[in-house]
Amino acid sequence: MTQLKVTQVKSAIGTKPNQRQTLRSLGLKKINDSVVQEDRPEIRGMVATVPHLVTVEEV
């Protein structure tokens, strides 16, 4: 199964609470933090919630 590398590129300051919680659920805490997640619909949905704060690459 493919994996996704998700990197936070913008700050969560000033965003809605559900967007901050989504970043935490993905495992992102600071700018330039990266995590590798399985490519599943749940993860894609979380990324779709915060597309302006993260970048996504297929690994």
PDB file of N, CA and C in Angstrom:
ATOM      1  N   MET A   1       0.848  -1.180   0.000  1.00  0.00           N
ATOM      2  CA  MET A   1       0.000   0.000   0.000  1.00  0.00           C
ATOM      3  C   MET A   1       0.893   1.243   0.000  1.00  0.00           C
ATOM      4  N   THR A   2       0.451   2.255  -0.702  1.00  0.00           N
ATOM      5  CA  THR A   2       1.246   3.485  -0.782  1.00  0.00           C
ATOM      6  C   THR A   2       1.155   4.254   0.526  1.00  0.00           C
ATOM      7  N   GLN A   3       2.111   5.132   0.712  1.00  0.00           N
ATOM      8  CA  GLN A   3       2.145   5.965   1.899  1.00  0.00           C
ATOM      9  C   GLN A   3       2.198   7.423   1.494  1.00  0.00           C
ATOM     10  N   LEU A   4       1.739   8.271   2.382  1.00  0.00           N
ATOM     11  CA  LEU A   4       1.728   9.705   2.150  1.00  0.00           C
ATOM     12  C   LEU A   4       2.644  10.385   3.156  1.00  0.00           C
ATOM     13  N   LYS A   5       3.469  11.300   2.671  1.00  0.00           N
ATOM     14  CA  LYS A   5       4.279  12.127   3.559  1.00  0.00           C
ATOM     15  C   LYS A   5       3.565  13.471   3.676  1.00  0.00           C
ATOM     16  N   VAL A   6       3.108  13.778   4.865  1.00  0.00           N
ATOM     17  CA  VAL A   6       2.358  15.000   5.116  1.00  0.00           C
ATOM     18  C   VAL A   6       3.257  15.948   5.896  1.00  0.00           C
ATOM     19  N   THR A   7       3.418  17.173   5.390  1.00  0.00           N
ATOM     20  CA  THR A   7       4.288  18.168   6.011  1.00  0.00           C
ATOM     21  C   THR A   7       3.483  19.427   6.296  1.00  0.00           C
ATOM     22  N   GLN A   8       3.586  19.935   7.522  1.00  0.00           N
ATOM     23  CA  GLN A   8       2.910  21.180   7.869  1.00  0.00           C
ATOM     24  C   GLN A   8       3.753  22.340   7.363  1.00  0.00           C
ATOM     25  N   VAL A   9       3.157  23.242   6.580  1.00  0.00           N
ATOM     26  CA  VAL A   9       3.906  24.354   6.001  1.00  0.00           C
ATOM     27  C   VAL A   9       3.452  25.721   6.523  1.00  0.00           C
ATOM     28  N   LYS A  10       2.311  25.769   7.197  1.00  0.00           N
ATOM     29  CA  LYS A  10       1.828  27.031   7.756  1.00  0.00           C
ATOM     30  C   LYS A  10       1.417  26.817   9.193  1.00  0.00           C
ATOM     31  N   SER A  11       1.369  27.895   9.947  1.00  0.00           N
ATOM     32  CA  SER A  11       1.005  27.843  11.348  1.00  0.00           C
ATOM     33  C   SER A  11      -0.498  27.610  11.520  1.00  0.00           C
ATOM     34  N   ALA A  12      -0.841  26.975  12.629  1.00  0.00           N
ATOM     35  CA  ALA A  12      -2.249  26.737  12.944  1.00  0.00           C
ATOM     36  C   ALA A  12      -2.846  27.872  13.769  1.00  0.00           C
ATOM     37  N   ILE A  13      -2.039  28.883  14.081  1.00  0.00           N
ATOM     38  CA  ILE A  13      -2.539  30.017  14.858  1.00  0.00           C
ATOM     39  C   ILE A  13      -3.608  30.740  14.046  1.00  0.00           C
ATOM     40  N   GLY A  14      -4.738  30.988  14.666  1.00  0.00           N
ATOM     41  CA  GLY A  14      -5.826  31.706  14.007  1.00  0.00           C
ATOM     42  C   GLY A  14      -6.746  30.830  13.197  1.00  0.00           C
ATOM     43  N   THR A  15      -6.500  29.530  13.162  1.00  0.00           N
ATOM     44  CA  THR A  15      -7.391  28.629  12.422  1.00  0.00           C
ATOM     45  C   THR A  15      -8.514  28.150  13.336  1.00  0.00           C
ATOM     46  N   LYS A  16      -9.480  27.498  12.753  1.00  0.00           N
ATOM     47  CA  LYS A  16     -10.613  26.985  13.522  1.00  0.00           C
ATOM     48  C   LYS A  16     -10.158  25.816  14.398  1.00  0.00           C
ATOM     49  N   PRO A  17     -10.838  25.604  15.518  1.00  0.00           N
ATOM     50  CA  PRO A  17     -10.451  24.513  16.423  1.00  0.00           C
ATOM     51  C   PRO A  17     -10.435  23.140  15.765  1.00  0.00           C
ATOM     52  N   ASN A  18     -11.381  22.869  14.862  1.00  0.00           N
ATOM     53  CA  ASN A  18     -11.380  21.545  14.225  1.00  0.00           C
ATOM     54  C   ASN A  18     -10.162  21.368  13.321  1.00  0.00           C
ATOM     55  N   GLN A  19      -9.636  22.439  12.753  1.00  0.00           N
ATOM     56  CA  GLN A  19      -8.440  22.333  11.921  1.00  0.00           C
ATOM     57  C   GLN A  19      -7.207  22.077  12.779  1.00  0.00           C
ATOM     58  N   ARG A  20      -7.128  22.715  13.945  1.00  0.00           N
ATOM     59  CA  ARG A  20      -6.017  22.457  14.863  1.00  0.00           C
ATOM     60  C   ARG A  20      -6.052  21.018  15.357  1.00  0.00           C
ATOM     61  N   GLN A  21      -7.241  20.514  15.657  1.00  0.00           N
ATOM     62  CA  GLN A  21      -7.378  19.133  16.114  1.00  0.00           C
ATOM     63  C   GLN A  21      -7.014  18.153  15.006  1.00  0.00           C
ATOM     64  N   THR A  22      -7.332  18.487  13.780  1.00  0.00           N
ATOM     65  CA  THR A  22      -6.982  17.627  12.653  1.00  0.00           C
ATOM     66  C   THR A  22      -5.468  17.526  12.498  1.00  0.00           C
ATOM     67  N   LEU A  23      -4.768  18.651  12.635  1.00  0.00           N
ATOM     68  CA  LEU A  23      -3.306  18.620  12.564  1.00  0.00           C
ATOM     69  C   LEU A  23      -2.737  17.736  13.663  1.00  0.00           C
ATOM     70  N   ARG A  24      -3.270  17.839  14.875  1.00  0.00           N
ATOM     71  CA  ARG A  24      -2.808  16.996  15.978  1.00  0.00           C
ATOM     72  C   ARG A  24      -3.082  15.526  15.692  1.00  0.00           C
ATOM     73  N   SER A  25      -4.241  15.230  15.121  1.00  0.00           N
ATOM     74  CA  SER A  25      -4.586  13.841  14.808  1.00  0.00           C
ATOM     75  C   SER A  25      -3.649  13.262  13.748  1.00  0.00           C
ATOM     76  N   LEU A  26      -3.190  14.102  12.857  1.00  0.00           N
ATOM     77  CA  LEU A  26      -2.225  13.657  11.851  1.00  0.00           C
ATOM     78  C   LEU A  26      -0.835  13.472  12.457  1.00  0.00           C
ATOM     79  N   GLY A  27      -0.597  14.063  13.631  1.00  0.00           N
ATOM     80  CA  GLY A  27       0.697  13.934  14.282  1.00  0.00           C
ATOM     81  C   GLY A  27       1.604  15.128  14.038  1.00  0.00           C
ATOM     82  N   LEU A  28       1.025  16.237  13.596  1.00  0.00           N
ATOM     83  CA  LEU A  28       1.810  17.434  13.295  1.00  0.00           C
ATOM     84  C   LEU A  28       1.682  18.440  14.435  1.00  0.00           C
ATOM     85  N   LYS A  29       2.834  18.984  14.866  1.00  0.00           N
ATOM     86  CA  LYS A  29       2.830  19.920  15.985  1.00  0.00           C
ATOM     87  C   LYS A  29       3.412  21.283  15.625  1.00  0.00           C
ATOM     88  N   LYS A  30       4.409  21.303  14.740  1.00  0.00           N
ATOM     89  CA  LYS A  30       5.100  22.551  14.398  1.00  0.00           C
ATOM     90  C   LYS A  30       5.207  22.685  12.883  1.00  0.00           C
ATOM     91  N   ILE A  31       5.578  23.866  12.443  1.00  0.00           N
ATOM     92  CA  ILE A  31       5.859  24.084  11.029  1.00  0.00           C
ATOM     93  C   ILE A  31       7.069  23.235  10.649  1.00  0.00           C
ATOM     94  N   ASN A  32       7.018  22.653   9.487  1.00  0.00           N
ATOM     95  CA  ASN A  32       8.044  21.763   8.925  1.00  0.00           C
ATOM     96  C   ASN A  32       8.089  20.386   9.577  1.00  0.00           C
ATOM     97  N   ASP A  33       7.135  20.061  10.435  1.00  0.00           N
ATOM     98  CA  ASP A  33       7.007  18.681  10.924  1.00  0.00           C
ATOM     99  C   ASP A  33       6.478  17.820   9.792  1.00  0.00           C
ATOM    100  N   SER A  34       6.994  16.605   9.683  1.00  0.00           N
ATOM    101  CA  SER A  34       6.538  15.667   8.658  1.00  0.00           C
ATOM    102  C   SER A  34       6.183  14.342   9.306  1.00  0.00           C
ATOM    103  N   VAL A  35       5.153  13.704   8.780  1.00  0.00           N
ATOM    104  CA  VAL A  35       4.780  12.362   9.214  1.00  0.00           C
ATOM    105  C   VAL A  35       4.476  11.540   7.971  1.00  0.00           C
ATOM    106  N   VAL A  36       4.687  10.239   8.080  1.00  0.00           N
ATOM    107  CA  VAL A  36       4.346   9.328   6.998  1.00  0.00           C
ATOM    108  C   VAL A  36       3.150   8.508   7.458  1.00  0.00           C
ATOM    109  N   GLN A  37       2.074   8.574   6.693  1.00  0.00           N
ATOM    110  CA  GLN A  37       0.829   7.882   7.015  1.00  0.00           C
ATOM    111  C   GLN A  37       0.459   6.953   5.868  1.00  0.00           C
ATOM    112  N   GLU A  38      -0.301   5.916   6.182  1.00  0.00           N
ATOM    113  CA  GLU A  38      -0.846   5.044   5.142  1.00  0.00           C
ATOM    114  C   GLU A  38      -1.848   5.836   4.300  1.00  0.00           C
ATOM    115  N   ASP A  39      -1.921   5.522   3.027  1.00  0.00           N
ATOM    116  CA  ASP A  39      -2.867   6.191   2.128  1.00  0.00           C
ATOM    117  C   ASP A  39      -4.234   5.531   2.285  1.00  0.00           C
ATOM    118  N   ARG A  40      -5.014   6.066   3.226  1.00  0.00           N
ATOM    119  CA  ARG A  40      -6.351   5.549   3.501  1.00  0.00           C
ATOM    120  C   ARG A  40      -7.353   6.684   3.362  1.00  0.00           C
ATOM    121  N   PRO A  41      -8.623   6.353   3.166  1.00  0.00           N
ATOM    122  CA  PRO A  41      -9.633   7.412   3.036  1.00  0.00           C
ATOM    123  C   PRO A  41      -9.708   8.334   4.256  1.00  0.00           C
ATOM    124  N   GLU A  42      -9.466   7.784   5.458  1.00  0.00           N
ATOM    125  CA  GLU A  42      -9.521   8.611   6.661  1.00  0.00           C
ATOM    126  C   GLU A  42      -8.433   9.684   6.632  1.00  0.00           C
ATOM    127  N   ILE A  43      -7.243   9.297   6.229  1.00  0.00           N
ATOM    128  CA  ILE A  43      -6.126  10.240   6.169  1.00  0.00           C
ATOM    129  C   ILE A  43      -6.360  11.260   5.070  1.00  0.00           C
ATOM    130  N   ARG A  44      -6.848  10.798   3.915  1.00  0.00           N
ATOM    131  CA  ARG A  44      -7.159  11.735   2.818  1.00  0.00           C
ATOM    132  C   ARG A  44      -8.198  12.761   3.258  1.00  0.00           C
ATOM    133  N   GLY A  45      -9.178  12.338   4.051  1.00  0.00           N
ATOM    134  CA  GLY A  45     -10.200  13.255   4.551  1.00  0.00           C
ATOM    135  C   GLY A  45      -9.622  14.290   5.493  1.00  0.00           C
ATOM    136  N   MET A  46      -8.696  13.851   6.350  1.00  0.00           N
ATOM    137  CA  MET A  46      -8.049  14.796   7.267  1.00  0.00           C
ATOM    138  C   MET A  46      -7.225  15.810   6.493  1.00  0.00           C
ATOM    139  N   VAL A  47      -6.506  15.347   5.479  1.00  0.00           N
ATOM    140  CA  VAL A  47      -5.696  16.255   4.654  1.00  0.00           C
ATOM    141  C   VAL A  47      -6.607  17.231   3.905  1.00  0.00           C
ATOM    142  N   ALA A  48      -7.773  16.765   3.482  1.00  0.00           N
ATOM    143  CA  ALA A  48      -8.707  17.640   2.765  1.00  0.00           C
ATOM    144  C   ALA A  48      -9.272  18.727   3.674  1.00  0.00           C
ATOM    145  N   THR A  49      -9.249  18.496   4.982  1.00  0.00           N
ATOM    146  CA  THR A  49      -9.732  19.501   5.933  1.00  0.00           C
ATOM    147  C   THR A  49      -8.755  20.660   6.076  1.00  0.00           C
ATOM    148  N   VAL A  50      -7.456  20.386   5.906  1.00  0.00           N
ATOM    149  CA  VAL A  50      -6.433  21.425   6.116  1.00  0.00           C
ATOM    150  C   VAL A  50      -5.487  21.549   4.916  1.00  0.00           C
ATOM    151  N   PRO A  51      -6.000  21.638   3.683  1.00  0.00           N
ATOM    152  CA  PRO A  51      -5.091  21.673   2.530  1.00  0.00           C
ATOM    153  C   PRO A  51      -4.235  22.918   2.466  1.00  0.00           C
ATOM    154  N   HIS A  52      -4.687  24.009   3.090  1.00  0.00           N
ATOM    155  CA  HIS A  52      -3.925  25.254   3.057  1.00  0.00           C
ATOM    156  C   HIS A  52      -2.799  25.270   4.092  1.00  0.00           C
ATOM    157  N   LEU A  53      -2.746  24.270   4.969  1.00  0.00           N
ATOM    158  CA  LEU A  53      -1.715  24.223   6.005  1.00  0.00           C
ATOM    159  C   LEU A  53      -0.665  23.141   5.767  1.00  0.00           C
ATOM    160  N   VAL A  54      -0.925  22.209   4.842  1.00  0.00           N
ATOM    161  CA  VAL A  54      -0.033  21.074   4.656  1.00  0.00           C
ATOM    162  C   VAL A  54       0.290  20.859   3.180  1.00  0.00           C
ATOM    163  N   THR A  55       1.385  20.137   2.948  1.00  0.00           N
ATOM    164  CA  THR A  55       1.679  19.623   1.619  1.00  0.00           C
ATOM    165  C   THR A  55       1.726  18.108   1.720  1.00  0.00           C
ATOM    166  N   VAL A  56       1.390  17.423   0.628  1.00  0.00           N
ATOM    167  CA  VAL A  56       1.310  15.973   0.625  1.00  0.00           C
ATOM    168  C   VAL A  56       2.126  15.429  -0.533  1.00  0.00           C
ATOM    169  N   GLU A  57       2.954  14.410  -0.237  1.00  0.00           N
ATOM    170  CA  GLU A  57       3.728  13.716  -1.266  1.00  0.00           C
ATOM    171  C   GLU A  57       3.485  12.232  -1.127  1.00  0.00           C
ATOM    172  N   GLU A  58       3.478  11.514  -2.247  1.00  0.00           N
ATOM    173  CA  GLU A  58       3.392  10.061  -2.180  1.00  0.00           C
ATOM    174  C   GLU A  58       4.798   9.504  -2.016  1.00  0.00           C
ATOM    175  N   VAL A  59       4.939   8.571  -1.079  1.00  0.00           N
ATOM    176  CA  VAL A  59       6.251   7.962  -0.808  1.00  0.00           C
ATOM    177  C   VAL A  59       6.267   6.564  -1.403  1.00  0.00           C
TER     178      VAL A  59
END
